[in-house]
Amino acid sequence: MALSATLAPMYILIRQREKNLRLPIDREQLLRLPGYGLQEELRDKQFAILGYLVFGLYIVLSPFAFVSIQTHIKAGNFPYLLCITAISGLLFVAFKTVRNFNQLTKLRLGHAAELATAAELMLLQAQGYQIFHDIQADKFNIDHLAIGPNGVFAIETKGRHKRTEDSKESHKMAFKDGKLVFPSWTESDPIDQAVRQAKWATQWLSKASGVNITAVPVLVFPGWYINLQSRPPFPILNHKQLATTLPRSGNTQLSQEQINAICYQVAQRSVQGPPPK
């Protein structure tokens, strides 16, 4: 009974969150990356197995718990201490489950956003760009690096949920006075993060490749319509704008030899990870 009383509100809470929030992009409309379909099937099967294991454990233990409680009540020695301990444990498990579910929701959003950006960046390869993903830096990672004739772009992707209400403004965000303005909140940390990461990429690649570059920060919000009410310090884009905007941006001209030198360093780090200190 205690388990049911804990699981039922937790299930309602999780379902309510899923009802009110939605991903900003439709995953089924993305360009397919290698293994995408298998990845989806693996995730679904993992959740199904976990669900069946928990349900099976509940079915096996419930009759024994019910009979045990009945026996103790008839004997007049109800184990209050054991019940308090069990309920406390269930509350702890419920708290951890909800907390991890919230983190899982954010991770799922971030994963979908990065897939959307990566799919659009694939279109740049036909224009001579080299694309790298998830570059391990010093205690952080750069989501994407695009290297082409007009420079190096350090791309940070941010996933933000949309509310499910059918408001015309629910899918719009704005850049105004150095801040990102969403329908119900404002933030500026992603701007600072993109600048820091581009600065790190500039210092690393200039030193490692011997090519003097200045990496351009790019901030991407897949699925959002972006209204630029102020001039941004660097490109702030919807993922659909990447293939047309990056070739018209940049701050330098790189030869094919320079591009190869830069790409070699990025490829080495992608395979080997950060060098040991």
Protein backbone atom coordinates (compact mmCIF):
# COMPACT_ATOMS: atom_id res chain seq x y z
CA MET A 1 0.00 0.00 0.00
CA ALA A 2 2.79 2.38 0.89
CA LEU A 3 4.48 1.56 -2.39
CA SER A 4 1.28 2.29 -4.31
CA ALA A 5 0.74 5.52 -2.39
CA THR A 6 4.24 6.61 -3.37
CA LEU A 7 4.23 5.47 -7.00
CA ALA A 8 0.81 6.91 -7.89
CA PRO A 9 1.58 10.60 -7.08
CA MET A 10 5.03 10.22 -8.64
CA TYR A 11 3.49 8.86 -11.85
CA ILE A 12 0.95 11.70 -11.94
CA LEU A 13 3.72 14.27 -11.42
CA ILE A 14 5.82 12.83 -14.23
CA ARG A 15 2.87 12.61 -16.61
CA GLN A 16 1.85 16.18 -15.84
CA ARG A 17 5.35 17.43 -16.64
CA GLU A 18 5.36 15.54 -19.95
CA LYS A 19 1.95 17.00 -20.76
CA ASN A 20 3.00 20.62 -20.19
CA LEU A 21 6.40 20.48 -21.94
CA ARG A 22 7.40 19.43 -25.43
CA LEU A 23 10.58 19.22 -27.44
CA PRO A 24 11.24 22.27 -29.61
CA ILE A 25 11.87 20.11 -32.70
CA ASP A 26 10.27 17.02 -34.18
CA ARG A 27 12.86 14.26 -33.93
CA GLU A 28 11.23 12.34 -36.78
CA GLN A 29 11.87 15.22 -39.20
CA LEU A 30 15.63 15.35 -38.60
CA LEU A 31 18.15 14.18 -41.15
CA ARG A 32 19.09 10.68 -40.08
CA LEU A 33 22.53 10.24 -38.51
CA PRO A 34 24.29 6.84 -38.42
CA GLY A 35 22.57 4.46 -36.01
CA TYR A 36 19.68 6.84 -35.26
CA GLY A 37 16.96 4.22 -35.66
CA LEU A 38 18.85 1.63 -33.62
CA GLN A 39 19.51 4.19 -30.90
CA GLU A 40 15.79 4.91 -30.60
CA GLU A 41 14.96 1.20 -30.41
CA LEU A 42 17.67 0.57 -27.80
CA ARG A 43 16.34 3.37 -25.61
CA ASP A 44 12.76 2.11 -25.84
CA LYS A 45 13.77 -1.47 -25.05
CA GLN A 46 15.87 -0.38 -22.06
CA PHE A 47 12.97 1.53 -20.55
CA ALA A 48 10.61 -1.37 -21.25
CA ILE A 49 12.91 -3.88 -19.52
CA LEU A 50 13.34 -1.61 -16.52
CA GLY A 51 9.59 -1.08 -16.27
CA TYR A 52 8.84 -4.82 -16.41
CA LEU A 53 11.47 -5.55 -13.75
CA VAL A 54 10.00 -3.00 -11.35
CA PHE A 55 6.44 -4.18 -12.04
CA GLY A 56 7.45 -7.81 -11.55
CA LEU A 57 9.11 -7.00 -8.22
CA TYR A 58 5.96 -5.17 -7.13
CA ILE A 59 3.74 -8.14 -8.06
CA VAL A 60 5.94 -10.62 -6.17
CA LEU A 61 6.35 -8.59 -2.99
CA SER A 62 2.84 -7.14 -2.61
CA PRO A 63 1.06 -10.36 -1.48
CA PHE A 64 3.77 -11.13 1.09
CA ALA A 65 3.64 -7.58 2.44
CA PHE A 66 -0.17 -7.70 2.68
CA VAL A 67 -0.18 -11.06 4.51
CA SER A 68 2.60 -9.90 6.85
CA ILE A 69 0.70 -6.75 7.81
CA GLN A 70 -2.49 -8.74 8.43
CA THR A 71 -0.62 -11.21 10.63
CA HIS A 72 0.96 -8.46 12.73
CA ILE A 73 -2.36 -6.70 13.19
CA LYS A 74 -4.07 -9.90 14.37
CA ALA A 75 -1.19 -10.62 16.73
CA GLY A 76 -1.41 -7.11 18.16
CA ASN A 77 2.26 -6.30 17.63
CA PHE A 78 2.24 -4.06 14.61
CA PRO A 79 5.87 -3.24 13.59
CA TYR A 80 5.63 0.56 13.59
CA LEU A 81 9.40 1.02 13.45
CA LEU A 82 9.74 -1.20 10.40
CA CYS A 83 6.85 0.60 8.67
CA ILE A 84 8.36 4.02 9.38
CA THR A 85 11.69 2.80 8.02
CA ALA A 86 10.02 1.38 4.89
CA ILE A 87 8.01 4.55 4.25
CA SER A 88 11.11 6.71 4.75
CA GLY A 89 12.97 4.54 2.26
CA LEU A 90 10.14 4.81 -0.25
CA LEU A 91 10.05 8.59 0.10
CA PHE A 92 13.81 8.72 -0.47
CA VAL A 93 13.47 6.52 -3.57
CA ALA A 94 10.58 8.67 -4.84
CA PHE A 95 12.64 11.85 -4.36
CA LYS A 96 15.62 10.37 -6.19
CA THR A 97 13.40 9.03 -8.98
CA VAL A 98 11.72 12.38 -9.62
CA ARG A 99 15.06 14.16 -9.47
CA ASN A 100 16.67 11.76 -11.93
CA PHE A 101 13.62 11.93 -14.18
CA ASN A 102 13.95 15.72 -14.33
CA GLN A 103 17.63 15.31 -15.25
CA LEU A 104 16.69 12.69 -17.85
CA THR A 105 14.17 15.11 -19.37
CA LYS A 106 16.88 17.77 -19.72
CA LEU A 107 19.36 15.28 -21.17
CA ARG A 108 16.78 14.08 -23.68
CA LEU A 109 16.13 17.69 -24.69
CA GLY A 110 19.85 18.41 -25.05
CA HIS A 111 20.37 15.25 -27.08
CA ALA A 112 17.53 16.10 -29.47
CA ALA A 113 18.85 19.66 -29.87
CA GLU A 114 22.38 18.47 -30.69
CA LEU A 115 21.03 15.96 -33.20
CA ALA A 116 19.10 18.75 -34.92
CA THR A 117 22.21 20.95 -35.12
CA ALA A 118 24.43 18.09 -36.30
CA ALA A 119 21.95 17.20 -39.04
CA GLU A 120 21.99 20.74 -40.40
CA LEU A 121 25.78 20.98 -40.19
CA MET A 122 26.00 17.97 -42.49
CA LEU A 123 24.73 20.26 -45.27
CA LEU A 124 27.88 22.39 -44.92
CA GLN A 125 30.14 19.49 -45.86
CA ALA A 126 29.14 19.88 -49.49
CA GLN A 127 30.48 23.45 -49.27
CA GLY A 128 33.95 22.34 -48.15
CA TYR A 129 33.50 22.48 -44.37
CA GLN A 130 34.84 19.90 -41.94
CA ILE A 131 32.49 19.18 -39.02
CA PHE A 132 33.47 17.77 -35.63
CA HIS A 133 31.23 17.04 -32.64
CA ASP A 134 31.65 16.87 -28.87
CA ILE A 135 35.21 18.19 -28.62
CA GLN A 136 36.63 17.54 -25.16
CA ALA A 137 38.25 20.67 -23.77
CA ASP A 138 39.51 21.50 -20.26
CA LYS A 139 36.68 20.28 -18.01
CA PHE A 140 34.01 21.14 -20.58
CA ASN A 141 33.12 20.22 -24.13
CA ILE A 142 32.39 22.14 -27.32
CA ASP A 143 29.27 20.76 -28.98
CA HIS A 144 30.41 21.32 -32.59
CA LEU A 145 33.32 22.76 -34.54
CA ALA A 146 32.84 23.82 -38.15
CA ILE A 147 36.07 24.52 -40.06
CA GLY A 148 35.90 26.05 -43.53
CA PRO A 149 37.47 28.56 -45.93
CA ASN A 150 36.07 31.52 -43.97
CA GLY A 151 37.22 30.47 -40.51
CA VAL A 152 36.55 28.29 -37.49
CA PHE A 153 33.16 28.28 -35.76
CA ALA A 154 32.69 27.07 -32.17
CA ILE A 155 29.02 26.12 -32.02
CA GLU A 156 27.13 25.77 -28.75
CA THR A 157 23.68 24.17 -28.95
CA LYS A 158 21.06 24.89 -26.29
CA GLY A 159 17.84 22.93 -25.94
CA ARG A 160 14.92 24.74 -24.34
CA HIS A 161 11.48 23.22 -23.82
CA LYS A 162 8.39 24.86 -25.19
CA ARG A 163 5.11 25.01 -23.35
CA THR A 164 2.28 23.05 -24.95
CA GLU A 165 -0.21 25.93 -25.05
CA ASP A 166 -1.11 27.05 -28.56
CA SER A 167 0.08 30.61 -28.15
CA LYS A 168 1.59 32.45 -31.11
CA GLU A 169 4.42 33.60 -28.84
CA SER A 170 5.20 30.19 -27.31
CA HIS A 171 7.75 29.37 -30.04
CA LYS A 172 9.44 32.78 -30.16
CA MET A 173 12.50 34.07 -28.34
CA ALA A 174 14.37 37.35 -28.71
CA PHE A 175 17.85 38.78 -28.26
CA LYS A 176 17.61 42.19 -26.64
CA ASP A 177 20.20 44.30 -24.81
CA GLY A 178 22.61 41.39 -24.36
CA LYS A 179 19.99 38.97 -23.03
CA LEU A 180 18.00 36.04 -24.37
CA VAL A 181 14.32 36.68 -23.79
CA PHE A 182 12.01 33.64 -23.79
CA PRO A 183 8.21 33.69 -23.30
CA SER A 184 8.44 33.21 -19.53
CA TRP A 185 12.09 33.74 -18.58
CA THR A 186 15.31 35.61 -19.45
CA GLU A 187 18.91 34.37 -19.44
CA SER A 188 22.39 35.43 -20.53
CA ASP A 189 24.69 32.60 -19.37
CA PRO A 190 24.68 30.81 -22.78
CA ILE A 191 26.11 33.95 -24.41
CA ASP A 192 29.00 34.08 -21.94
CA GLN A 193 29.56 30.33 -22.32
CA ALA A 194 29.78 30.54 -26.11
CA VAL A 195 32.32 33.37 -25.87
CA ARG A 196 34.48 31.44 -23.38
CA GLN A 197 34.47 28.31 -25.52
CA ALA A 198 35.39 30.19 -28.68
CA LYS A 199 38.24 31.89 -26.82
CA TRP A 200 39.53 28.51 -25.63
CA ALA A 201 39.29 27.08 -29.18
CA THR A 202 41.17 30.12 -30.51
CA GLN A 203 44.06 29.68 -28.08
CA TRP A 204 44.26 25.91 -28.47
CA LEU A 205 44.06 25.71 -32.27
CA SER A 206 46.36 28.67 -32.89
CA LYS A 207 49.03 27.08 -30.73
CA ALA A 208 48.51 23.47 -31.84
CA SER A 209 48.20 24.04 -35.59
CA GLY A 210 50.47 27.06 -36.01
CA VAL A 211 47.67 28.88 -37.84
CA ASN A 212 46.66 32.26 -36.42
CA ILE A 213 42.86 32.07 -36.12
CA THR A 214 40.07 33.61 -34.08
CA ALA A 215 37.24 31.13 -33.58
CA VAL A 216 33.77 32.62 -34.01
CA PRO A 217 31.22 31.72 -31.32
CA VAL A 218 27.82 30.56 -32.57
CA LEU A 219 24.78 29.95 -30.37
CA VAL A 220 22.01 27.70 -31.69
CA PHE A 221 18.49 27.21 -30.30
CA PRO A 222 16.86 24.44 -32.35
CA GLY A 223 13.15 24.84 -32.94
CA TRP A 224 12.86 28.46 -31.78
CA TYR A 225 12.02 31.46 -33.92
CA ILE A 226 14.61 34.11 -33.02
CA ASN A 227 13.80 37.80 -33.13
CA LEU A 228 16.94 39.95 -33.04
CA GLN A 229 15.81 43.17 -31.38
CA SER A 230 19.45 44.20 -30.79
CA ARG A 231 22.57 43.49 -32.81
CA PRO A 232 24.10 40.27 -31.39
CA PRO A 233 27.88 40.04 -30.81
CA PHE A 234 27.96 36.81 -32.84
CA PRO A 235 25.46 34.61 -34.72
CA ILE A 236 22.48 33.49 -32.60
CA LEU A 237 20.49 31.13 -34.79
CA ASN A 238 17.78 28.60 -35.26
CA HIS A 239 19.32 25.31 -36.42
CA LYS A 240 17.73 25.74 -39.86
CA GLN A 241 19.78 28.92 -40.40
CA LEU A 242 23.20 27.29 -40.01
CA ALA A 243 23.79 26.16 -43.59
CA THR A 244 23.05 29.62 -45.00
CA THR A 245 24.49 31.85 -42.26
CA LEU A 246 27.93 30.34 -41.57
CA PRO A 247 29.24 30.67 -45.16
CA ARG A 248 28.38 34.38 -44.99
CA SER A 249 30.04 34.83 -41.59
CA GLY A 250 33.63 34.32 -40.48
CA ASN A 251 36.57 36.63 -39.94
CA THR A 252 39.43 35.19 -42.01
CA GLN A 253 40.40 33.30 -45.14
CA LEU A 254 41.99 29.89 -44.74
CA SER A 255 43.85 27.93 -47.38
CA GLN A 256 43.25 24.22 -47.81
CA GLU A 257 46.64 23.55 -46.21
CA GLN A 258 45.68 25.59 -43.14
CA ILE A 259 42.29 23.86 -42.92
CA ASN A 260 44.03 20.48 -43.05
CA ALA A 261 46.43 21.50 -40.24
CA ILE A 262 43.56 22.66 -38.02
CA CYS A 263 41.43 19.60 -38.76
CA TYR A 264 44.33 17.29 -37.95
CA GLN A 265 44.59 18.74 -34.44
CA VAL A 266 40.84 18.52 -33.88
CA ALA A 267 40.72 14.94 -35.14
CA GLN A 268 43.60 13.93 -32.88
CA ARG A 269 41.87 15.40 -29.83
CA SER A 270 38.56 13.78 -30.81
CA VAL A 271 40.22 10.34 -30.85
CA GLN A 272 42.70 10.69 -27.99
CA GLY A 273 40.91 13.19 -25.73
CA PRO A 274 42.62 16.00 -23.82
CA PRO A 275 46.36 15.54 -23.27
CA PRO A 276 47.38 14.45 -19.75
CA LYS A 277 48.55 17.21 -17.45
